[in-house]
């Protein structure tokens, strides 16, 4: 007989079972992954917040805004999903399909990619 890796109870069933229940399996895996999950959760929350801000300010698919307006809404310029360098030398930072490009005088062009 084997014992559950989480609670130590005897396991009944298949030979290869490691846990007595789904609850124990989930609890065990949550403990193991806690640190990396918190780190990933925090980054995903920042990406999600940035995406919401761009979507809110760019309802037409293309618009302009200021750095101050983005900051006032809590936008974090350190978090984006990819960078697009165009043939003309422009650099766009994207959060999934929502992007932005720095213009002159702390203005930003907001764009939305067609998917």
N, C-alpha and C. Protein backbone atom coordinates (compact mmCIF):
# COMPACT_ATOMS: atom_id res chain seq x y z
N UNK A 1 0.84 -1.20 0.00
CA UNK A 1 0.00 0.00 0.00
C UNK A 1 0.88 1.26 0.00
N UNK A 2 0.44 2.23 -0.78
CA UNK A 2 1.13 3.52 -0.84
C UNK A 2 0.36 4.53 0.00
N UNK A 3 1.08 5.59 0.39
CA UNK A 3 0.45 6.68 1.13
C UNK A 3 0.39 7.92 0.25
N UNK A 4 -0.64 8.73 0.46
CA UNK A 4 -0.84 9.99 -0.26
C UNK A 4 0.35 10.92 0.01
N UNK A 5 0.87 11.53 -1.05
CA UNK A 5 1.99 12.45 -0.91
C UNK A 5 1.62 13.71 -0.13
N UNK A 6 0.35 14.06 -0.10
CA UNK A 6 -0.08 15.28 0.58
C UNK A 6 -0.45 15.03 2.04
N UNK A 7 -1.35 14.10 2.29
CA UNK A 7 -1.88 13.92 3.65
C UNK A 7 -1.39 12.66 4.36
N UNK A 8 -0.78 11.74 3.62
CA UNK A 8 -0.26 10.53 4.23
C UNK A 8 -1.26 9.39 4.38
N UNK A 9 -2.51 9.59 3.97
CA UNK A 9 -3.53 8.54 4.06
C UNK A 9 -3.20 7.41 3.09
N UNK A 10 -3.71 6.23 3.40
CA UNK A 10 -3.54 5.08 2.51
C UNK A 10 -4.29 5.34 1.21
N UNK A 11 -3.68 4.95 0.09
CA UNK A 11 -4.28 5.14 -1.22
C UNK A 11 -4.94 3.84 -1.67
N UNK A 12 -6.19 3.96 -2.09
CA UNK A 12 -6.92 2.81 -2.61
C UNK A 12 -7.14 3.06 -4.09
N UNK A 13 -6.87 2.04 -4.93
CA UNK A 13 -7.12 2.19 -6.36
C UNK A 13 -5.93 1.74 -7.16
N UNK A 14 -5.70 2.42 -8.28
CA UNK A 14 -4.63 2.05 -9.20
C UNK A 14 -3.27 2.04 -8.53
N UNK A 15 -2.36 1.25 -9.06
CA UNK A 15 -1.02 1.14 -8.50
C UNK A 15 -0.23 2.43 -8.62
N UNK A 16 -0.47 3.19 -9.69
CA UNK A 16 0.33 4.39 -9.94
C UNK A 16 -0.24 5.66 -9.30
N UNK A 17 -1.31 5.55 -8.52
CA UNK A 17 -1.88 6.72 -7.87
C UNK A 17 -0.90 7.28 -6.83
N UNK A 18 -0.84 8.58 -6.73
CA UNK A 18 0.04 9.23 -5.76
C UNK A 18 -0.74 9.98 -4.69
N UNK A 19 -2.03 10.23 -4.95
CA UNK A 19 -2.85 11.03 -4.04
C UNK A 19 -4.16 10.31 -3.76
N UNK A 20 -4.72 10.57 -2.59
CA UNK A 20 -5.97 9.92 -2.22
C UNK A 20 -7.19 10.61 -2.83
N UNK A 21 -7.03 11.89 -3.23
CA UNK A 21 -8.16 12.62 -3.80
C UNK A 21 -7.66 13.76 -4.70
N UNK A 22 -8.59 14.32 -5.45
CA UNK A 22 -8.24 15.49 -6.28
C UNK A 22 -7.84 16.67 -5.41
N UNK A 23 -8.48 16.81 -4.27
CA UNK A 23 -8.16 17.91 -3.36
C UNK A 23 -6.71 17.83 -2.89
N UNK A 24 -6.26 16.63 -2.51
CA UNK A 24 -4.87 16.45 -2.08
C UNK A 24 -3.90 16.70 -3.24
N UNK A 25 -4.25 16.22 -4.43
CA UNK A 25 -3.39 16.44 -5.60
C UNK A 25 -3.25 17.94 -5.88
N UNK A 26 -4.37 18.66 -5.84
CA UNK A 26 -4.33 20.11 -6.07
C UNK A 26 -3.53 20.84 -5.00
N UNK A 27 -3.75 20.50 -3.74
CA UNK A 27 -3.03 21.14 -2.64
C UNK A 27 -1.53 20.91 -2.77
N UNK A 28 -1.14 19.69 -3.08
CA UNK A 28 0.28 19.34 -3.23
C UNK A 28 0.91 20.15 -4.37
N UNK A 29 0.27 20.16 -5.53
CA UNK A 29 0.82 20.89 -6.67
C UNK A 29 0.82 22.40 -6.45
N UNK A 30 -0.18 22.92 -5.76
CA UNK A 30 -0.20 24.35 -5.45
C UNK A 30 0.96 24.74 -4.56
N UNK A 31 1.31 23.90 -3.58
CA UNK A 31 2.45 24.17 -2.71
C UNK A 31 3.76 24.17 -3.49
N UNK A 32 3.91 23.20 -4.37
CA UNK A 32 5.13 23.10 -5.16
C UNK A 32 5.30 24.31 -6.08
N UNK A 33 4.22 24.75 -6.69
CA UNK A 33 4.29 25.81 -7.70
C UNK A 33 4.03 27.20 -7.15
N UNK A 34 3.92 27.36 -5.86
CA UNK A 34 3.49 28.62 -5.26
C UNK A 34 4.36 29.80 -5.68
N UNK A 35 5.69 29.68 -5.55
CA UNK A 35 6.57 30.81 -5.85
C UNK A 35 6.48 31.21 -7.32
N UNK A 36 6.60 30.27 -8.22
CA UNK A 36 6.56 30.61 -9.64
C UNK A 36 5.17 31.09 -10.03
N UNK A 37 4.13 30.52 -9.43
CA UNK A 37 2.78 30.96 -9.75
C UNK A 37 2.55 32.40 -9.32
N UNK A 38 3.05 32.79 -8.14
CA UNK A 38 2.89 34.17 -7.68
C UNK A 38 3.61 35.13 -8.62
N UNK A 39 4.81 34.78 -9.03
CA UNK A 39 5.59 35.62 -9.94
C UNK A 39 4.85 35.78 -11.27
N UNK A 40 4.41 34.66 -11.83
CA UNK A 40 3.69 34.70 -13.11
C UNK A 40 2.36 35.44 -12.96
N UNK A 41 1.67 35.22 -11.86
CA UNK A 41 0.39 35.88 -11.63
C UNK A 41 0.58 37.40 -11.58
N UNK A 42 1.64 37.86 -10.91
CA UNK A 42 1.89 39.30 -10.82
C UNK A 42 2.20 39.90 -12.19
N UNK A 43 3.00 39.21 -12.99
CA UNK A 43 3.31 39.71 -14.33
C UNK A 43 2.06 39.70 -15.21
N UNK A 44 1.30 38.63 -15.16
CA UNK A 44 0.06 38.57 -15.96
C UNK A 44 -0.92 39.65 -15.55
N UNK A 45 -0.99 39.97 -14.26
CA UNK A 45 -1.87 41.05 -13.80
C UNK A 45 -1.42 42.39 -14.38
N UNK A 46 -0.10 42.63 -14.44
CA UNK A 46 0.40 43.89 -15.01
C UNK A 46 0.12 43.95 -16.51
N UNK A 47 0.32 42.82 -17.20
CA UNK A 47 0.01 42.79 -18.63
C UNK A 47 -1.47 43.03 -18.88
N UNK A 48 -2.31 42.40 -18.07
CA UNK A 48 -3.76 42.55 -18.22
C UNK A 48 -4.18 43.99 -17.97
N UNK A 49 -3.58 44.64 -16.95
CA UNK A 49 -3.91 46.03 -16.64
C UNK A 49 -3.48 46.94 -17.79
N UNK A 50 -2.27 46.75 -18.31
CA UNK A 50 -1.80 47.56 -19.43
C UNK A 50 -2.71 47.38 -20.65
N UNK A 51 -3.13 46.14 -20.91
CA UNK A 51 -4.01 45.86 -22.04
C UNK A 51 -5.34 46.59 -21.88
N UNK A 52 -5.90 46.54 -20.68
CA UNK A 52 -7.17 47.22 -20.42
C UNK A 52 -7.04 48.73 -20.66
N UNK A 53 -5.94 49.31 -20.20
CA UNK A 53 -5.73 50.75 -20.37
C UNK A 53 -5.65 51.11 -21.85
N UNK A 54 -4.86 50.35 -22.61
CA UNK A 54 -4.76 50.64 -24.05
C UNK A 54 -6.10 50.46 -24.75
N UNK A 55 -6.83 49.41 -24.40
CA UNK A 55 -8.14 49.16 -25.02
C UNK A 55 -9.12 50.29 -24.71
N UNK A 56 -9.07 50.78 -23.49
CA UNK A 56 -9.96 51.87 -23.07
C UNK A 56 -9.65 53.16 -23.81
N UNK A 57 -8.35 53.44 -24.02
CA UNK A 57 -7.95 54.68 -24.68
C UNK A 57 -7.97 54.59 -26.20
N UNK A 58 -8.02 53.38 -26.74
CA UNK A 58 -7.94 53.19 -28.19
C UNK A 58 -9.17 52.43 -28.70
N UNK A 59 -10.31 53.05 -28.61
CA UNK A 59 -11.56 52.39 -29.01
C UNK A 59 -11.74 52.35 -30.53
N UNK A 60 -11.06 53.24 -31.25
CA UNK A 60 -11.22 53.33 -32.71
C UNK A 60 -10.20 52.50 -33.49
N UNK A 61 -9.22 51.92 -32.82
CA UNK A 61 -8.19 51.15 -33.53
C UNK A 61 -6.93 51.93 -33.79
N UNK A 62 -7.01 53.27 -33.71
CA UNK A 62 -5.85 54.13 -33.87
C UNK A 62 -6.16 55.46 -33.20
N UNK A 63 -5.29 55.87 -32.28
CA UNK A 63 -5.51 57.14 -31.58
C UNK A 63 -4.20 57.62 -30.99
N UNK A 64 -4.25 58.81 -30.38
CA UNK A 64 -3.08 59.39 -29.72
C UNK A 64 -3.43 59.65 -28.26
N UNK A 65 -2.39 59.58 -27.42
CA UNK A 65 -2.55 59.94 -26.02
C UNK A 65 -1.21 60.41 -25.49
N UNK A 66 -1.20 60.88 -24.27
CA UNK A 66 0.03 61.38 -23.66
C UNK A 66 0.59 60.38 -22.66
N UNK A 67 1.87 60.51 -22.41
CA UNK A 67 2.53 59.67 -21.41
C UNK A 67 1.88 59.89 -20.04
N UNK A 68 1.56 61.15 -19.73
CA UNK A 68 0.95 61.48 -18.44
C UNK A 68 -0.39 60.78 -18.26
N UNK A 69 -1.18 60.72 -19.32
CA UNK A 69 -2.48 60.06 -19.24
C UNK A 69 -2.32 58.56 -19.00
N UNK A 70 -1.36 57.95 -19.70
CA UNK A 70 -1.09 56.52 -19.49
C UNK A 70 -0.64 56.27 -18.04
N UNK A 71 0.29 57.09 -17.57
CA UNK A 71 0.77 56.95 -16.19
C UNK A 71 -0.34 57.14 -15.17
N UNK A 72 -1.20 58.12 -15.41
CA UNK A 72 -2.28 58.41 -14.45
C UNK A 72 -3.24 57.24 -14.31
N UNK A 73 -3.35 56.43 -15.35
CA UNK A 73 -4.23 55.26 -15.29
C UNK A 73 -3.51 54.03 -14.75
N UNK A 74 -2.19 54.15 -14.49
CA UNK A 74 -1.43 53.05 -13.92
C UNK A 74 -0.67 52.21 -14.92
N UNK A 75 -0.48 52.72 -16.14
CA UNK A 75 0.23 51.98 -17.18
C UNK A 75 1.69 51.79 -16.77
N UNK A 76 2.23 50.58 -16.98
CA UNK A 76 3.62 50.27 -16.65
C UNK A 76 4.35 49.95 -17.95
N UNK A 77 5.25 50.85 -18.37
CA UNK A 77 5.94 50.72 -19.65
C UNK A 77 6.94 49.56 -19.68
N UNK A 78 7.22 48.95 -18.55
CA UNK A 78 8.17 47.83 -18.50
C UNK A 78 7.53 46.50 -18.91
N UNK A 79 6.21 46.46 -19.07
CA UNK A 79 5.53 45.20 -19.34
C UNK A 79 4.77 45.26 -20.66
N UNK A 80 5.20 44.41 -21.60
CA UNK A 80 4.56 44.28 -22.91
C UNK A 80 4.85 42.87 -23.40
N UNK A 81 4.13 42.43 -24.44
CA UNK A 81 4.29 41.05 -24.89
C UNK A 81 5.24 40.91 -26.08
N UNK A 82 5.35 41.92 -26.93
CA UNK A 82 6.29 41.84 -28.04
C UNK A 82 6.59 43.22 -28.61
N UNK A 83 7.65 43.26 -29.43
CA UNK A 83 8.10 44.50 -30.07
C UNK A 83 8.06 44.30 -31.57
N UNK A 84 7.57 45.30 -32.28
CA UNK A 84 7.54 45.27 -33.73
C UNK A 84 8.39 46.43 -34.26
N UNK A 85 9.44 46.11 -35.01
CA UNK A 85 10.26 47.12 -35.67
C UNK A 85 9.86 47.14 -37.14
N UNK A 86 9.39 48.30 -37.60
CA UNK A 86 8.92 48.41 -38.98
C UNK A 86 10.09 48.70 -39.93
N UNK A 87 9.83 48.55 -41.23
CA UNK A 87 10.85 48.84 -42.24
C UNK A 87 11.26 50.30 -42.21
N UNK A 88 10.35 51.17 -41.77
CA UNK A 88 10.64 52.60 -41.72
C UNK A 88 11.40 53.00 -40.46
N UNK A 89 11.68 52.04 -39.58
CA UNK A 89 12.47 52.32 -38.38
C UNK A 89 11.66 52.63 -37.14
N UNK A 90 10.35 52.54 -37.23
CA UNK A 90 9.51 52.78 -36.06
C UNK A 90 9.47 51.53 -35.18
N UNK A 91 9.37 51.77 -33.88
CA UNK A 91 9.28 50.66 -32.93
C UNK A 91 7.95 50.73 -32.20
N UNK A 92 7.17 49.66 -32.32
CA UNK A 92 5.89 49.53 -31.63
C UNK A 92 6.03 48.50 -30.53
N UNK A 93 5.47 48.80 -29.38
CA UNK A 93 5.42 47.85 -28.26
C UNK A 93 3.98 47.36 -28.17
N UNK A 94 3.82 46.04 -28.11
CA UNK A 94 2.49 45.46 -28.12
C UNK A 94 2.17 44.71 -26.85
N UNK A 95 0.90 44.76 -26.49
CA UNK A 95 0.30 43.89 -25.50
C UNK A 95 -0.76 43.12 -26.27
N UNK A 96 -0.37 41.96 -26.71
CA UNK A 96 -1.21 41.13 -27.56
C UNK A 96 -1.53 41.89 -28.84
N UNK A 97 -2.75 42.35 -29.06
CA UNK A 97 -3.08 43.06 -30.30
C UNK A 97 -3.13 44.57 -30.13
N UNK A 98 -2.95 45.07 -28.92
CA UNK A 98 -2.94 46.52 -28.66
C UNK A 98 -1.50 46.99 -28.58
N UNK A 99 -1.16 48.04 -29.34
CA UNK A 99 0.21 48.52 -29.36
C UNK A 99 0.32 50.02 -29.20
N UNK A 100 1.57 50.45 -28.96
CA UNK A 100 1.84 51.88 -28.83
C UNK A 100 3.24 52.19 -29.36
N UNK A 101 3.40 53.43 -29.83
CA UNK A 101 4.67 53.90 -30.35
C UNK A 101 4.91 55.30 -29.82
N UNK A 102 6.11 55.57 -29.36
CA UNK A 102 6.46 56.90 -28.88
C UNK A 102 6.56 57.88 -30.04
N UNK A 103 5.88 59.01 -29.88
CA UNK A 103 5.97 60.10 -30.85
C UNK A 103 6.77 61.23 -30.20
N UNK A 104 6.74 62.40 -30.77
CA UNK A 104 7.42 63.57 -30.17
C UNK A 104 6.64 64.12 -28.99
N UNK A 105 7.33 64.82 -28.11
CA UNK A 105 6.74 65.55 -26.98
C UNK A 105 5.91 64.67 -26.05
N UNK A 106 6.38 63.47 -25.76
CA UNK A 106 5.71 62.54 -24.83
C UNK A 106 4.31 62.14 -25.27
N UNK A 107 4.06 62.16 -26.55
CA UNK A 107 2.80 61.64 -27.09
C UNK A 107 3.03 60.21 -27.57
N UNK A 108 1.98 59.43 -27.56
CA UNK A 108 2.04 58.04 -28.02
C UNK A 108 0.95 57.79 -29.04
N UNK A 109 1.30 57.07 -30.08
CA UNK A 109 0.33 56.59 -31.06
C UNK A 109 -0.13 55.22 -30.56
N UNK A 110 -1.44 55.05 -30.43
CA UNK A 110 -2.01 53.76 -30.02
C UNK A 110 -2.60 53.10 -31.26
N UNK A 111 -2.32 51.82 -31.43
CA UNK A 111 -2.82 51.08 -32.59
C UNK A 111 -3.36 49.73 -32.14
N UNK A 112 -4.17 49.17 -33.01
CA UNK A 112 -4.67 47.82 -32.77
C UNK A 112 -4.38 46.99 -34.01
N UNK A 113 -3.76 45.82 -33.80
CA UNK A 113 -3.44 44.90 -34.88
C UNK A 113 -4.70 44.18 -35.31
N UNK A 114 -4.85 43.99 -36.61
CA UNK A 114 -5.92 43.13 -37.12
C UNK A 114 -5.48 41.69 -36.95
N UNK A 115 -6.32 40.92 -36.32
CA UNK A 115 -5.97 39.52 -36.08
C UNK A 115 -6.61 38.62 -37.11
